[in-house]
Each structure stands twice: as structure tokens, then as C-alpha cells.
Amino acid sequence: MKPDYGHCPCLGLYEFRSVEVRMTVNEKVVVLTDVPQGACRSCGSRVYKADVLERIESLLKNERFKKRPH
């Protein structure tokens, strides 16, 4: 079942998409695939559910991504 993202402030409707998220953390490129996202076709706004953001945050707190002293 796809999550419901509701309506965008522009009055458009957020639609479910599965996206790739790229970010740089401590000079390392991190790529997350199949990240659920709501996207508005009217204005292009994008939103994530709180549980998805919490999961991304917990992944980034992982030891592999912590900056190590030289």
C-alpha cells in the first residue's frame, strides 16, 4: 500500500514516488535508493514522511559516516 501524502499548500495533490537521494556526509557521497517521497505535480514541492526522515537520520549517525580524526 502506497502512503498518502495529502494535499500540497498549492492545492495540488502529492503523489507517491520512489526516488534516489544523494548527499555528501563528511566528504563522502552517500546514495540512498528507493526512498518514498510525495511529489506535487502542480508546483514541484516534495515531502517525506517523518518515519522516512528518522530512518535516514539514523543511517547517517552510523559509525561508517562519522568523521574520524587524522
Protein backbone atom coordinates (compact mmCIF):
# COMPACT_ATOMS: atom_id res chain seq x y z
CA MET A 1 0.00 0.00 0.00
CA LYS A 2 1.36 3.40 -1.02
CA PRO A 3 1.48 6.12 1.66
CA ASP A 4 -0.95 9.04 1.42
CA TYR A 5 0.83 12.39 1.40
CA GLY A 6 -2.31 14.51 1.24
CA HIS A 7 -2.68 17.89 -0.41
CA CYS A 8 0.04 20.41 -1.17
CA PRO A 9 -0.38 24.02 0.03
CA CYS A 10 -0.80 24.98 -3.67
CA LEU A 11 -3.95 22.77 -3.59
CA GLY A 12 -2.33 20.11 -5.76
CA LEU A 13 -2.15 16.52 -4.62
CA TYR A 14 1.08 14.87 -3.50
CA GLU A 15 1.69 11.66 -5.45
CA PHE A 16 3.85 8.77 -4.29
CA ARG A 17 7.25 8.32 -5.92
CA SER A 18 10.25 6.19 -5.13
CA VAL A 19 13.42 8.26 -5.56
CA GLU A 20 17.18 8.19 -5.21
CA VAL A 21 18.65 10.61 -2.66
CA ARG A 22 22.28 11.70 -2.94
CA MET A 23 24.04 13.66 -0.22
CA THR A 24 27.56 14.38 0.94
CA VAL A 25 28.37 13.44 4.52
CA ASN A 26 31.86 14.12 5.88
CA GLU A 27 33.23 14.38 2.35
CA LYS A 28 31.68 11.04 1.32
CA VAL A 29 28.90 10.72 -1.25
CA VAL A 30 26.00 8.71 0.16
CA VAL A 31 23.32 7.34 -2.20
CA LEU A 32 20.02 6.05 -0.85
CA THR A 33 17.74 4.24 -3.30
CA ASP A 34 14.00 3.55 -3.28
CA VAL A 35 13.26 6.38 -0.83
CA PRO A 36 9.49 7.02 -0.64
CA GLN A 37 8.54 10.61 -1.43
CA GLY A 38 5.40 12.66 -2.07
CA ALA A 39 5.68 14.99 -5.09
CA CYS A 40 3.21 17.65 -6.23
CA ARG A 41 2.65 17.66 -9.99
CA SER A 42 1.33 21.22 -9.84
CA CYS A 43 4.20 23.08 -8.16
CA GLY A 44 7.00 20.52 -7.79
CA SER A 45 7.04 20.54 -3.99
CA ARG A 46 8.40 17.35 -2.40
CA VAL A 47 7.75 15.89 1.05
CA TYR A 48 8.85 12.89 3.09
CA LYS A 49 7.07 11.09 5.91
CA ALA A 50 8.58 11.61 9.38
CA ASP A 51 9.49 7.91 9.72
CA VAL A 52 11.49 8.06 6.48
CA LEU A 53 13.43 11.11 7.67
CA GLU A 54 14.08 9.42 11.03
CA ARG A 55 15.43 6.34 9.25
CA ILE A 56 17.74 8.45 7.06
CA GLU A 57 18.98 10.29 10.16
CA SER A 58 19.70 7.01 11.98
CA LEU A 59 21.62 5.70 8.96
CA LEU A 60 23.74 8.85 8.86
CA LYS A 61 24.55 8.53 12.57
CA ASN A 62 26.09 5.14 11.82
CA GLU A 63 29.79 4.78 12.66
CA ARG A 64 30.78 4.50 8.98
CA PHE A 65 29.79 8.11 8.36
CA LYS A 66 31.30 9.70 11.47
CA LYS A 67 34.31 11.88 10.84
CA ARG A 68 37.49 10.25 12.09
CA PRO A 69 40.47 12.22 13.36
CA HIS A 70 43.53 12.18 11.08
